[in-house]
């Protein structure tokens, strides 16, 4: 698959996770979304966990212990979300997700 030649092939999202503990990101109908970089962090030291589900199938999970600040991950191949599909990201933190911040980045690719 080739990287999109659209007006903006770069994708990113970030902020504080919603109180529900999960957020859904959608790929456009004509392009795959590939998540390549993950940063997840907390204000206080404790355990953190992220889970990625593409079309309701868990495809990746990450966990950290005794971590304050941001924990970066760069993925060699990325997490691919097929065109027209979605990824649910589940955020977990010992003291609650309102104490955390996330930044994800990647790109759009032609399927």
Protein backbone atom coordinates (compact mmCIF):
# COMPACT_ATOMS: atom_id res chain seq x y z
CA UNK A 1 0.00 0.00 0.00
CA UNK A 2 1.21 3.44 -0.89
CA UNK A 3 1.05 6.45 1.39
CA UNK A 4 -1.87 8.65 0.44
CA UNK A 5 -1.22 11.50 -1.95
CA UNK A 6 -4.20 13.37 -0.51
CA UNK A 7 -4.02 16.93 0.75
CA UNK A 8 -2.97 15.74 4.22
CA UNK A 9 -1.74 12.14 4.50
CA UNK A 10 -0.51 12.69 8.08
CA UNK A 11 -2.86 11.79 10.96
CA UNK A 12 -2.64 12.59 14.66
CA UNK A 13 -4.87 12.77 17.71
CA UNK A 14 -4.33 13.56 21.34
CA UNK A 15 -5.68 14.80 24.63
CA UNK A 16 -7.15 13.41 27.82
CA UNK A 17 -9.11 10.17 27.35
CA UNK A 18 -12.87 10.44 27.92
CA UNK A 19 -14.24 9.28 31.26
CA UNK A 20 -15.71 6.21 29.53
CA UNK A 21 -12.12 4.94 29.23
CA UNK A 22 -12.22 4.42 25.47
CA UNK A 23 -12.20 6.45 22.29
CA UNK A 24 -13.06 5.46 18.72
CA UNK A 25 -11.09 6.65 15.69
CA UNK A 26 -12.40 6.15 12.15
CA UNK A 27 -10.56 5.52 8.89
CA UNK A 28 -12.02 7.29 5.83
CA UNK A 29 -14.01 5.15 3.38
CA UNK A 30 -11.26 5.32 0.75
CA UNK A 31 -8.06 5.13 2.83
CA UNK A 32 -6.51 2.96 5.53
CA UNK A 33 -5.35 4.61 8.74
CA UNK A 34 -1.95 3.42 10.01
CA UNK A 35 -1.01 4.34 13.60
CA UNK A 36 2.78 4.40 13.91
CA UNK A 37 3.58 6.30 17.11
CA UNK A 38 2.00 6.10 20.55
CA UNK A 39 2.65 8.32 23.55
CA UNK A 40 0.68 7.67 26.74
CA UNK A 41 1.52 9.15 30.09
CA UNK A 42 0.30 10.05 33.56
CA UNK A 43 0.83 12.77 36.11
CA UNK A 44 1.64 10.26 38.85
CA UNK A 45 3.62 7.06 39.04
CA UNK A 46 1.54 3.91 38.70
CA UNK A 47 0.52 1.36 36.08
CA UNK A 48 -0.78 2.26 32.62
CA UNK A 49 -2.38 0.07 29.99
CA UNK A 50 -3.59 0.59 26.40
CA UNK A 51 -5.58 -1.79 24.21
CA UNK A 52 -6.32 -1.36 20.50
CA UNK A 53 -9.28 -3.15 18.90
CA UNK A 54 -9.81 -2.95 15.15
CA UNK A 55 -13.34 -3.95 14.14
CA UNK A 56 -13.85 -5.45 17.62
CA UNK A 57 -10.72 -7.65 17.47
CA UNK A 58 -7.85 -6.84 19.85
CA UNK A 59 -4.75 -6.23 17.73
CA UNK A 60 -2.33 -4.67 20.23
CA UNK A 61 -1.89 -4.09 23.93
CA UNK A 62 0.75 -2.23 25.92
CA UNK A 63 1.39 -1.91 29.66
CA UNK A 64 3.80 0.05 31.85
CA UNK A 65 4.43 -0.07 35.60
CA UNK A 66 5.73 2.61 37.97
CA UNK A 67 5.76 5.17 35.18
CA UNK A 68 5.25 8.91 35.46
CA UNK A 69 5.56 11.10 32.41
CA UNK A 70 5.13 9.90 28.83
CA UNK A 71 5.91 6.44 27.54
CA UNK A 72 6.66 6.53 23.80
CA UNK A 73 6.32 3.59 21.41
CA UNK A 74 7.32 3.65 17.73
CA UNK A 75 5.86 0.80 15.74
CA UNK A 76 7.82 -0.60 12.81
CA UNK A 77 4.73 -1.63 10.81
CA UNK A 78 2.01 0.27 12.63
CA UNK A 79 -1.54 -0.64 13.55
CA UNK A 80 -3.56 -0.74 10.33
CA UNK A 81 -7.23 0.28 10.40
CA UNK A 82 -8.85 -0.74 7.09
CA UNK A 83 -10.68 1.88 5.00
CA UNK A 84 -14.19 2.48 6.30
CA UNK A 85 -13.44 0.74 9.59
CA UNK A 86 -12.59 1.94 13.09
CA UNK A 87 -10.25 1.35 16.01
CA UNK A 88 -11.38 1.47 19.64
CA UNK A 89 -8.61 2.45 22.03
CA UNK A 90 -9.10 1.49 25.69
CA UNK A 91 -7.19 3.53 28.27
CA UNK A 92 -6.46 2.22 31.77
CA UNK A 93 -4.67 3.86 34.69
CA UNK A 94 -4.56 2.96 38.38
CA UNK A 95 -5.80 6.42 39.44
CA UNK A 96 -8.27 6.94 36.56
CA UNK A 97 -7.89 8.02 32.95
CA UNK A 98 -8.57 11.69 33.80
CA UNK A 99 -4.97 11.74 35.11
CA UNK A 100 -3.52 10.73 31.74
CA UNK A 101 -2.70 12.22 28.34
CA UNK A 102 -2.24 10.53 24.96
CA UNK A 103 -0.85 11.40 21.54
CA UNK A 104 -1.12 9.08 18.54
CA UNK A 105 0.27 9.76 15.09
CA UNK A 106 0.42 7.98 11.78
CA UNK A 107 -0.68 8.36 8.20
CA UNK A 108 -3.38 7.53 5.67
CA UNK A 109 -2.59 4.93 3.00
CA UNK A 110 -4.37 3.65 -0.06
CA UNK A 111 -5.78 0.17 0.64
